[in-house]
Amino acid sequence: MSKKFVAISTAALFIVLFNVGFVFHEPLMGAWFHQQEAAIVRENFIIPYIALAYLVYCFLLSYFFPMYVDYYRGSSRIPTALRFGIIMGVLFDALQ
């Protein structure tokens, strides 16, 4: 695993996930989140903290993915990547 791969994949993941996360949490589900979680949600989000959390998440995904793929060496790449994404997504969502 090279540092170049980790850096490029972290940057690419960050760009995609940060923007998809915004679209999901604001335009699509924002009203529902503010209604259902009104007692715990902030009035205004602290974007630098959210960006830092996404950056850490993307770095960890980029760092652990080659190890996961190497462990399942004989498997097809797309189902392996989907399993990895689902496992990491559930873990990170549960550990918030």
PDB file of N, CA and C in Angstrom:
ATOM      1  N   MET A   1       0.852  -1.167   0.000  1.00  0.00           N
ATOM      2  CA  MET A   1       0.000   0.000   0.000  1.00  0.00           C
ATOM      3  C   MET A   1       0.901   1.235   0.000  1.00  0.00           C
ATOM      4  N   SER A   2       0.672   2.095  -0.950  1.00  0.00           N
ATOM      5  CA  SER A   2       1.518   3.274  -1.060  1.00  0.00           C
ATOM      6  C   SER A   2       0.842   4.497  -0.433  1.00  0.00           C
ATOM      7  N   LYS A   3       1.672   5.434  -0.036  1.00  0.00           N
ATOM      8  CA  LYS A   3       1.157   6.685   0.529  1.00  0.00           C
ATOM      9  C   LYS A   3       0.398   7.477  -0.530  1.00  0.00           C
ATOM     10  N   LYS A   4       0.838   7.346  -1.775  1.00  0.00           N
ATOM     11  CA  LYS A   4       0.171   8.055  -2.868  1.00  0.00           C
ATOM     12  C   LYS A   4      -1.264   7.549  -3.037  1.00  0.00           C
ATOM     13  N   PHE A   5      -1.462   6.224  -2.984  1.00  0.00           N
ATOM     14  CA  PHE A   5      -2.807   5.657  -3.082  1.00  0.00           C
ATOM     15  C   PHE A   5      -3.694   6.164  -1.953  1.00  0.00           C
ATOM     16  N   VAL A   6      -3.175   6.144  -0.727  1.00  0.00           N
ATOM     17  CA  VAL A   6      -3.961   6.583   0.420  1.00  0.00           C
ATOM     18  C   VAL A   6      -4.323   8.062   0.292  1.00  0.00           C
ATOM     19  N   ALA A   7      -3.379   8.881  -0.138  1.00  0.00           N
ATOM     20  CA  ALA A   7      -3.643  10.319  -0.271  1.00  0.00           C
ATOM     21  C   ALA A   7      -4.678  10.606  -1.362  1.00  0.00           C
ATOM     22  N   ILE A   8      -4.518   9.986  -2.510  1.00  0.00           N
ATOM     23  CA  ILE A   8      -5.450  10.229  -3.620  1.00  0.00           C
ATOM     24  C   ILE A   8      -6.829   9.679  -3.305  1.00  0.00           C
ATOM     25  N   SER A   9      -6.898   8.469  -2.763  1.00  0.00           N
ATOM     26  CA  SER A   9      -8.207   7.892  -2.465  1.00  0.00           C
ATOM     27  C   SER A   9      -8.892   8.629  -1.314  1.00  0.00           C
ATOM     28  N   THR A  10      -8.120   9.124  -0.340  1.00  0.00           N
ATOM     29  CA  THR A  10      -8.715   9.913   0.737  1.00  0.00           C
ATOM     30  C   THR A  10      -9.320  11.198   0.173  1.00  0.00           C
ATOM     31  N   ALA A  11      -8.585  11.867  -0.694  1.00  0.00           N
ATOM     32  CA  ALA A  11      -9.093  13.110  -1.289  1.00  0.00           C
ATOM     33  C   ALA A  11     -10.338  12.849  -2.138  1.00  0.00           C
ATOM     34  N   ALA A  12     -10.304  11.807  -2.951  1.00  0.00           N
ATOM     35  CA  ALA A  12     -11.456  11.496  -3.805  1.00  0.00           C
ATOM     36  C   ALA A  12     -12.677  11.121  -2.962  1.00  0.00           C
ATOM     37  N   LEU A  13     -12.467  10.284  -1.964  1.00  0.00           N
ATOM     38  CA  LEU A  13     -13.573   9.905  -1.076  1.00  0.00           C
ATOM     39  C   LEU A  13     -14.139  11.114  -0.344  1.00  0.00           C
ATOM     40  N   PHE A  14     -13.257  11.982   0.129  1.00  0.00           N
ATOM     41  CA  PHE A  14     -13.712  13.165   0.849  1.00  0.00           C
ATOM     42  C   PHE A  14     -14.597  14.035  -0.034  1.00  0.00           C
ATOM     43  N   ILE A  15     -14.170  14.271  -1.259  1.00  0.00           N
ATOM     44  CA  ILE A  15     -14.954  15.110  -2.168  1.00  0.00           C
ATOM     45  C   ILE A  15     -16.333  14.500  -2.406  1.00  0.00           C
ATOM     46  N   VAL A  16     -16.389  13.203  -2.638  1.00  0.00           N
ATOM     47  CA  VAL A  16     -17.665  12.547  -2.915  1.00  0.00           C
ATOM     48  C   VAL A  16     -18.525  12.466  -1.657  1.00  0.00           C
ATOM     49  N   LEU A  17     -17.994  11.919  -0.566  1.00  0.00           N
ATOM     50  CA  LEU A  17     -18.796  11.685   0.626  1.00  0.00           C
ATOM     51  C   LEU A  17     -19.236  12.967   1.317  1.00  0.00           C
ATOM     52  N   PHE A  18     -18.390  13.981   1.347  1.00  0.00           N
ATOM     53  CA  PHE A  18     -18.762  15.248   1.976  1.00  0.00           C
ATOM     54  C   PHE A  18     -19.926  15.890   1.238  1.00  0.00           C
ATOM     55  N   ASN A  19     -19.877  15.858  -0.093  1.00  0.00           N
ATOM     56  CA  ASN A  19     -20.968  16.448  -0.877  1.00  0.00           C
ATOM     57  C   ASN A  19     -22.236  15.614  -0.827  1.00  0.00           C
ATOM     58  N   VAL A  20     -22.111  14.301  -0.911  1.00  0.00           N
ATOM     59  CA  VAL A  20     -23.291  13.438  -0.810  1.00  0.00           C
ATOM     60  C   VAL A  20     -23.899  13.544   0.591  1.00  0.00           C
ATOM     61  N   GLY A  21     -23.047  13.642   1.611  1.00  0.00           N
ATOM     62  CA  GLY A  21     -23.540  13.810   2.980  1.00  0.00           C
ATOM     63  C   GLY A  21     -24.320  15.095   3.144  1.00  0.00           C
ATOM     64  N   PHE A  22     -23.846  16.174   2.544  1.00  0.00           N
ATOM     65  CA  PHE A  22     -24.584  17.437   2.614  1.00  0.00           C
ATOM     66  C   PHE A  22     -25.934  17.307   1.932  1.00  0.00           C
ATOM     67  N   VAL A  23     -25.946  16.752   0.722  1.00  0.00           N
ATOM     68  CA  VAL A  23     -27.206  16.617  -0.013  1.00  0.00           C
ATOM     69  C   VAL A  23     -28.197  15.764   0.777  1.00  0.00           C
ATOM     70  N   PHE A  24     -27.724  14.697   1.404  1.00  0.00           N
ATOM     71  CA  PHE A  24     -28.620  13.836   2.173  1.00  0.00           C
ATOM     72  C   PHE A  24     -29.124  14.527   3.434  1.00  0.00           C
ATOM     73  N   HIS A  25     -28.224  15.175   4.177  1.00  0.00           N
ATOM     74  CA  HIS A  25     -28.598  15.726   5.479  1.00  0.00           C
ATOM     75  C   HIS A  25     -29.294  17.070   5.413  1.00  0.00           C
ATOM     76  N   GLU A  26     -29.185  17.792   4.332  1.00  0.00           N
ATOM     77  CA  GLU A  26     -29.853  19.092   4.241  1.00  0.00           C
ATOM     78  C   GLU A  26     -31.032  19.089   3.282  1.00  0.00           C
ATOM     79  N   PRO A  27     -30.841  19.103   1.957  1.00  0.00           N
ATOM     80  CA  PRO A  27     -32.008  19.208   1.065  1.00  0.00           C
ATOM     81  C   PRO A  27     -32.977  18.032   1.154  1.00  0.00           C
ATOM     82  N   LEU A  28     -32.464  16.811   1.252  1.00  0.00           N
ATOM     83  CA  LEU A  28     -33.363  15.655   1.242  1.00  0.00           C
ATOM     84  C   LEU A  28     -34.029  15.390   2.589  1.00  0.00           C
ATOM     85  N   MET A  29     -33.233  15.295   3.655  1.00  0.00           N
ATOM     86  CA  MET A  29     -33.768  14.874   4.950  1.00  0.00           C
ATOM     87  C   MET A  29     -33.677  15.941   6.042  1.00  0.00           C
ATOM     88  N   GLY A  30     -33.253  17.156   5.696  1.00  0.00           N
ATOM     89  CA  GLY A  30     -33.032  18.199   6.687  1.00  0.00           C
ATOM     90  C   GLY A  30     -34.245  18.520   7.529  1.00  0.00           C
ATOM     91  N   ALA A  31     -35.395  18.678   6.900  1.00  0.00           N
ATOM     92  CA  ALA A  31     -36.615  19.012   7.646  1.00  0.00           C
ATOM     93  C   ALA A  31     -36.985  17.883   8.604  1.00  0.00           C
ATOM     94  N   TRP A  32     -36.857  16.657   8.152  1.00  0.00           N
ATOM     95  CA  TRP A  32     -37.194  15.525   9.017  1.00  0.00           C
ATOM     96  C   TRP A  32     -36.236  15.444  10.200  1.00  0.00           C
ATOM     97  N   PHE A  33     -34.936  15.624   9.946  1.00  0.00           N
ATOM     98  CA  PHE A  33     -33.954  15.594  11.034  1.00  0.00           C
ATOM     99  C   PHE A  33     -34.236  16.686  12.060  1.00  0.00           C
ATOM    100  N   HIS A  34     -34.555  17.891  11.597  1.00  0.00           N
ATOM    101  CA  HIS A  34     -34.834  18.985  12.528  1.00  0.00           C
ATOM    102  C   HIS A  34     -36.117  18.741  13.318  1.00  0.00           C
ATOM    103  N   GLN A  35     -37.069  18.047  12.714  1.00  0.00           N
ATOM    104  CA  GLN A  35     -38.318  17.735  13.418  1.00  0.00           C
ATOM    105  C   GLN A  35     -38.120  16.584  14.405  1.00  0.00           C
ATOM    106  N   GLN A  36     -37.462  15.533  13.996  1.00  0.00           N
ATOM    107  CA  GLN A  36     -37.316  14.340  14.827  1.00  0.00           C
ATOM    108  C   GLN A  36     -36.246  14.482  15.900  1.00  0.00           C
ATOM    109  N   GLU A  37     -35.197  15.213  15.602  1.00  0.00           N
ATOM    110  CA  GLU A  37     -34.079  15.319  16.527  1.00  0.00           C
ATOM    111  C   GLU A  37     -33.892  16.754  17.008  1.00  0.00           C
ATOM    112  N   ALA A  38     -34.987  17.466  17.162  1.00  0.00           N
ATOM    113  CA  ALA A  38     -34.925  18.888  17.508  1.00  0.00           C
ATOM    114  C   ALA A  38     -34.211  19.130  18.834  1.00  0.00           C
ATOM    115  N   ALA A  39     -34.303  18.198  19.762  1.00  0.00           N
ATOM    116  CA  ALA A  39     -33.690  18.396  21.075  1.00  0.00           C
ATOM    117  C   ALA A  39     -32.169  18.246  21.032  1.00  0.00           C
ATOM    118  N   ILE A  40     -31.643  17.504  20.080  1.00  0.00           N
ATOM    119  CA  ILE A  40     -30.192  17.253  20.079  1.00  0.00           C
ATOM    120  C   ILE A  40     -29.459  17.856  18.896  1.00  0.00           C
ATOM    121  N   VAL A  41     -30.169  18.307  17.865  1.00  0.00           N
ATOM    122  CA  VAL A  41     -29.495  18.838  16.679  1.00  0.00           C
ATOM    123  C   VAL A  41     -29.178  20.326  16.888  1.00  0.00           C
ATOM    124  N   ARG A  42     -28.072  20.749  16.334  1.00  0.00           N
ATOM    125  CA  ARG A  42     -27.679  22.161  16.424  1.00  0.00           C
ATOM    126  C   ARG A  42     -28.499  23.001  15.456  1.00  0.00           C
ATOM    127  N   GLU A  43     -28.660  24.258  15.811  1.00  0.00           N
ATOM    128  CA  GLU A  43     -29.319  25.203  14.905  1.00  0.00           C
ATOM    129  C   GLU A  43     -28.463  25.407  13.657  1.00  0.00           C
ATOM    130  N   ASN A  44     -27.171  25.625  13.862  1.00  0.00           N
ATOM    131  CA  ASN A  44     -26.215  25.788  12.762  1.00  0.00           C
ATOM    132  C   ASN A  44     -25.092  24.770  12.938  1.00  0.00           C
ATOM    133  N   PHE A  45     -24.742  24.117  11.856  1.00  0.00           N
ATOM    134  CA  PHE A  45     -23.682  23.119  11.906  1.00  0.00           C
ATOM    135  C   PHE A  45     -22.312  23.784  11.942  1.00  0.00           C
ATOM    136  N   ILE A  46     -21.353  23.136  12.580  1.00  0.00           N
ATOM    137  CA  ILE A  46     -19.971  23.623  12.601  1.00  0.00           C
ATOM    138  C   ILE A  46     -19.234  22.871  11.496  1.00  0.00           C
ATOM    139  N   ILE A  47     -19.195  23.472  10.329  1.00  0.00           N
ATOM    140  CA  ILE A  47     -18.691  22.821   9.121  1.00  0.00           C
ATOM    141  C   ILE A  47     -17.240  22.360   9.250  1.00  0.00           C
ATOM    142  N   PRO A  48     -16.317  23.127   9.852  1.00  0.00           N
ATOM    143  CA  PRO A  48     -14.943  22.608   9.959  1.00  0.00           C
ATOM    144  C   PRO A  48     -14.852  21.300  10.755  1.00  0.00           C
ATOM    145  N   TYR A  49     -15.645  21.147  11.806  1.00  0.00           N
ATOM    146  CA  TYR A  49     -15.631  19.895  12.564  1.00  0.00           C
ATOM    147  C   TYR A  49     -16.212  18.747  11.741  1.00  0.00           C
ATOM    148  N   ILE A  50     -17.253  19.038  11.005  1.00  0.00           N
ATOM    149  CA  ILE A  50     -17.851  18.007  10.152  1.00  0.00           C
ATOM    150  C   ILE A  50     -16.860  17.597   9.061  1.00  0.00           C
ATOM    151  N   ALA A  51     -16.189  18.569   8.474  1.00  0.00           N
ATOM    152  CA  ALA A  51     -15.193  18.267   7.438  1.00  0.00           C
ATOM    153  C   ALA A  51     -14.046  17.440   8.014  1.00  0.00           C
ATOM    154  N   LEU A  52     -13.614  17.773   9.220  1.00  0.00           N
ATOM    155  CA  LEU A  52     -12.538  17.012   9.859  1.00  0.00           C
ATOM    156  C   LEU A  52     -12.980  15.567  10.119  1.00  0.00           C
ATOM    157  N   ALA A  53     -14.215  15.384  10.581  1.00  0.00           N
ATOM    158  CA  ALA A  53     -14.726  14.032  10.823  1.00  0.00           C
ATOM    159  C   ALA A  53     -14.791  13.244   9.517  1.00  0.00           C
ATOM    160  N   TYR A  54     -15.249  13.865   8.444  1.00  0.00           N
ATOM    161  CA  TYR A  54     -15.288  13.195   7.144  1.00  0.00           C
ATOM    162  C   TYR A  54     -13.878  12.875   6.655  1.00  0.00           C
ATOM    163  N   LEU A  55     -12.938  13.770   6.893  1.00  0.00           N
ATOM    164  CA  LEU A  55     -11.560  13.540   6.463  1.00  0.00           C
ATOM    165  C   LEU A  55     -10.954  12.333   7.185  1.00  0.00           C
ATOM    166  N   VAL A  56     -11.193  12.232   8.485  1.00  0.00           N
ATOM    167  CA  VAL A  56     -10.706  11.082   9.257  1.00  0.00           C
ATOM    168  C   VAL A  56     -11.367   9.805   8.761  1.00  0.00           C
ATOM    169  N   TYR A  57     -12.676   9.860   8.537  1.00  0.00           N
ATOM    170  CA  TYR A  57     -13.423   8.703   8.039  1.00  0.00           C
ATOM    171  C   TYR A  57     -12.881   8.251   6.678  1.00  0.00           C
ATOM    172  N   CYS A  58     -12.652   9.187   5.783  1.00  0.00           N
ATOM    173  CA  CYS A  58     -12.139   8.861   4.448  1.00  0.00           C
ATOM    174  C   CYS A  58     -10.724   8.298   4.522  1.00  0.00           C
ATOM    175  N   PHE A  59      -9.898   8.849   5.408  1.00  0.00           N
ATOM    176  CA  PHE A  59      -8.546   8.322   5.571  1.00  0.00           C
ATOM    177  C   PHE A  59      -8.595   6.875   6.057  1.00  0.00           C
ATOM    178  N   LEU A  60      -9.440   6.597   7.043  1.00  0.00           N
ATOM    179  CA  LEU A  60      -9.524   5.233   7.561  1.00  0.00           C
ATOM    180  C   LEU A  60     -10.046   4.264   6.509  1.00  0.00           C
ATOM    181  N   LEU A  61     -11.020   4.696   5.712  1.00  0.00           N
ATOM    182  CA  LEU A  61     -11.498   3.844   4.622  1.00  0.00           C
ATOM    183  C   LEU A  61     -10.376   3.552   3.632  1.00  0.00           C
ATOM    184  N   SER A  62      -9.632   4.575   3.270  1.00  0.00           N
ATOM    185  CA  SER A  62      -8.540   4.406   2.312  1.00  0.00           C
ATOM    186  C   SER A  62      -7.410   3.547   2.866  1.00  0.00           C
ATOM    187  N   TYR A  63      -7.181   3.635   4.153  1.00  0.00           N
ATOM    188  CA  TYR A  63      -6.094   2.895   4.779  1.00  0.00           C
ATOM    189  C   TYR A  63      -6.437   1.410   4.940  1.00  0.00           C
ATOM    190  N   PHE A  64      -7.691   1.118   5.348  1.00  0.00           N
ATOM    191  CA  PHE A  64      -8.070  -0.267   5.628  1.00  0.00           C
ATOM    192  C   PHE A  64      -8.555  -1.043   4.411  1.00  0.00           C
ATOM    193  N   PHE A  65      -8.991  -0.358   3.352  1.00  0.00           N
ATOM    194  CA  PHE A  65      -9.528  -1.069   2.196  1.00  0.00           C
ATOM    195  C   PHE A  65      -8.524  -2.018   1.539  1.00  0.00           C
ATOM    196  N   PRO A  66      -7.279  -1.610   1.298  1.00  0.00           N
ATOM    197  CA  PRO A  66      -6.329  -2.571   0.692  1.00  0.00           C
ATOM    198  C   PRO A  66      -6.105  -3.811   1.562  1.00  0.00           C
ATOM    199  N   MET A  67      -6.137  -3.660   2.863  1.00  0.00           N
ATOM    200  CA  MET A  67      -5.980  -4.820   3.748  1.00  0.00           C
ATOM    201  C   MET A  67      -7.180  -5.757   3.623  1.00  0.00           C
ATOM    202  N   TYR A  68      -8.369  -5.169   3.547  1.00  0.00           N
ATOM    203  CA  TYR A  68      -9.597  -5.959   3.416  1.00  0.00           C
ATOM    204  C   TYR A  68      -9.603  -6.706   2.088  1.00  0.00           C
ATOM    205  N   VAL A  69      -9.214  -6.030   1.016  1.00  0.00           N
ATOM    206  CA  VAL A  69      -9.169  -6.663  -0.304  1.00  0.00           C
ATOM    207  C   VAL A  69      -8.120  -7.770  -0.324  1.00  0.00           C
ATOM    208  N   ASP A  70      -6.988  -7.546   0.310  1.00  0.00           N
ATOM    209  CA  ASP A  70      -5.939  -8.556   0.360  1.00  0.00           C
ATOM    210  C   ASP A  70      -6.398  -9.797   1.128  1.00  0.00           C
ATOM    211  N   TYR A  71      -7.193  -9.599   2.166  1.00  0.00           N
ATOM    212  CA  TYR A  71      -7.695 -10.726   2.945  1.00  0.00           C
ATOM    213  C   TYR A  71      -8.645 -11.584   2.113  1.00  0.00           C
ATOM    214  N   TYR A  72      -9.482 -10.924   1.282  1.00  0.00           N
ATOM    215  CA  TYR A  72     -10.413 -11.644   0.403  1.00  0.00           C
ATOM    216  C   TYR A  72      -9.854 -11.647  -1.024  1.00  0.00           C
ATOM    217  N   ARG A  73      -8.656 -12.122  -1.188  1.00  0.00           N
ATOM    218  CA  ARG A  73      -7.922 -12.051  -2.441  1.00  0.00           C
ATOM    219  C   ARG A  73      -8.646 -12.731  -3.595  1.00  0.00           C
ATOM    220  N   GLY A  74      -9.294 -13.834  -3.399  1.00  0.00           N
ATOM    221  CA  GLY A  74      -9.933 -14.573  -4.493  1.00  0.00           C
ATOM    222  C   GLY A  74     -11.294 -14.035  -4.888  1.00  0.00           C
ATOM    223  N   SER A  75     -11.863 -13.142  -4.115  1.00  0.00           N
ATOM    224  CA  SER A  75     -13.214 -12.642  -4.378  1.00  0.00           C
ATOM    225  C   SER A  75     -13.208 -11.560  -5.449  1.00  0.00           C
ATOM    226  N   SER A  76     -14.392 -11.354  -6.011  1.00  0.00           N
ATOM    227  CA  SER A  76     -14.570 -10.280  -6.983  1.00  0.00           C
ATOM    228  C   SER A  76     -14.458  -8.929  -6.273  1.00  0.00           C
ATOM    229  N   ARG A  77     -13.923  -7.934  -6.947  1.00  0.00           N
ATOM    230  CA  ARG A  77     -13.604  -6.650  -6.320  1.00  0.00           C
ATOM    231  C   ARG A  77     -14.857  -5.854  -5.932  1.00  0.00           C
ATOM    232  N   ILE A  78     -15.891  -5.835  -6.778  1.00  0.00           N
ATOM    233  CA  ILE A  78     -17.066  -4.996  -6.495  1.00  0.00           C
ATOM    234  C   ILE A  78     -17.854  -5.514  -5.294  1.00  0.00           C
ATOM    235  N   PRO A  79     -18.208  -6.803  -5.212  1.00  0.00           N
ATOM    236  CA  PRO A  79     -18.900  -7.257  -4.000  1.00  0.00           C
ATOM    237  C   PRO A  79     -18.053  -7.084  -2.734  1.00  0.00           C
ATOM    238  N   THR A  80     -16.752  -7.265  -2.859  1.00  0.00           N
ATOM    239  CA  THR A  80     -15.863  -7.069  -1.711  1.00  0.00           C
ATOM    240  C   THR A  80     -15.887  -5.613  -1.270  1.00  0.00           C
ATOM    241  N   ALA A  81     -15.834  -4.692  -2.227  1.00  0.00           N
ATOM    242  CA  ALA A  81     -15.873  -3.260  -1.897  1.00  0.00           C
ATOM    243  C   ALA A  81     -17.215  -2.873  -1.288  1.00  0.00           C
ATOM    244  N   LEU A  82     -18.300  -3.427  -1.794  1.00  0.00           N
ATOM    245  CA  LEU A  82     -19.621  -3.135  -1.227  1.00  0.00           C
ATOM    246  C   LEU A  82     -19.743  -3.653   0.205  1.00  0.00           C
ATOM    247  N   ARG A  83     -19.257  -4.866   0.438  1.00  0.00           N
ATOM    248  CA  ARG A  83     -19.270  -5.404   1.809  1.00  0.00           C
ATOM    249  C   ARG A  83     -18.451  -4.533   2.748  1.00  0.00           C
ATOM    250  N   PHE A  84     -17.280  -4.123   2.298  1.00  0.00           N
ATOM    251  CA  PHE A  84     -16.421  -3.271   3.110  1.00  0.00           C
ATOM    252  C   PHE A  84     -17.114  -1.945   3.416  1.00  0.00           C
ATOM    253  N   GLY A  85     -17.712  -1.337   2.414  1.00  0.00           N
ATOM    254  CA  GLY A  85     -18.410  -0.067   2.618  1.00  0.00           C
ATOM    255  C   GLY A  85     -19.571  -0.191   3.579  1.00  0.00           C
ATOM    256  N   ILE A  86     -20.326  -1.266   3.473  1.00  0.00           N
ATOM    257  CA  ILE A  86     -21.459  -1.476   4.376  1.00  0.00           C
ATOM    258  C   ILE A  86     -20.970  -1.703   5.805  1.00  0.00           C
ATOM    259  N   ILE A  87     -19.965  -2.539   5.966  1.00  0.00           N
ATOM    260  CA  ILE A  87     -19.433  -2.805   7.312  1.00  0.00           C
ATOM    261  C   ILE A  87     -18.892  -1.530   7.939  1.00  0.00           C
ATOM    262  N   MET A  88     -18.086  -0.787   7.211  1.00  0.00           N
ATOM    263  CA  MET A  88     -17.506   0.449   7.756  1.00  0.00           C
ATOM    264  C   MET A  88     -18.576   1.498   8.006  1.00  0.00           C
ATOM    265  N   GLY A  89     -19.550   1.604   7.127  1.00  0.00           N
ATOM    266  CA  GLY A  89     -20.634   2.564   7.327  1.00  0.00           C
ATOM    267  C   GLY A  89     -21.432   2.261   8.577  1.00  0.00           C
ATOM    268  N   VAL A  90     -21.765   0.995   8.789  1.00  0.00           N
ATOM    269  CA  VAL A  90     -22.503   0.609   9.994  1.00  0.00           C
ATOM    270  C   VAL A  90     -21.653   0.845  11.240  1.00  0.00           C
ATOM    271  N   LEU A  91     -20.378   0.471  11.182  1.00  0.00           N
ATOM    272  CA  LEU A  91     -19.497   0.688  12.338  1.00  0.00           C
ATOM    273  C   LEU A  91     -19.376   2.168  12.702  1.00  0.00           C
ATOM    274  N   PHE A  92     -19.140   3.010  11.704  1.00  0.00           N
ATOM    275  CA  PHE A  92     -18.966   4.429  11.993  1.00  0.00           C
ATOM    276  C   PHE A  92     -20.267   5.085  12.416  1.00  0.00           C
ATOM    277  N   ASP A  93     -21.387   4.653  11.839  1.00  0.00           N
ATOM    278  CA  ASP A  93     -22.669   5.217  12.255  1.00  0.00           C
ATOM    279  C   ASP A  93     -23.010   4.780  13.670  1.00  0.00           C
ATOM    280  N   ALA A  94     -22.710   3.549  14.006  1.00  0.00           N
ATOM    281  CA  ALA A  94     -23.001   3.040  15.352  1.00  0.00           C
ATOM    282  C   ALA A  94     -22.078   3.619  16.396  1.00  0.00           C
ATOM    283  N   LEU A  95     -20.846   3.969  16.002  1.00  0.00           N
ATOM    284  CA  LEU A  95     -19.870   4.467  16.968  1.00  0.00           C
ATOM    285  C   LEU A  95     -19.925   5.978  17.170  1.00  0.00           C
ATOM    286  N   GLN A  96     -20.870   6.647  16.535  1.00  0.00           N
ATOM    287  CA  GLN A  96     -20.983   8.083  16.735  1.00  0.00           C
ATOM    288  C   GLN A  96     -21.431   8.322  18.133  1.00  0.00           C
TER     289      GLN A  96
END
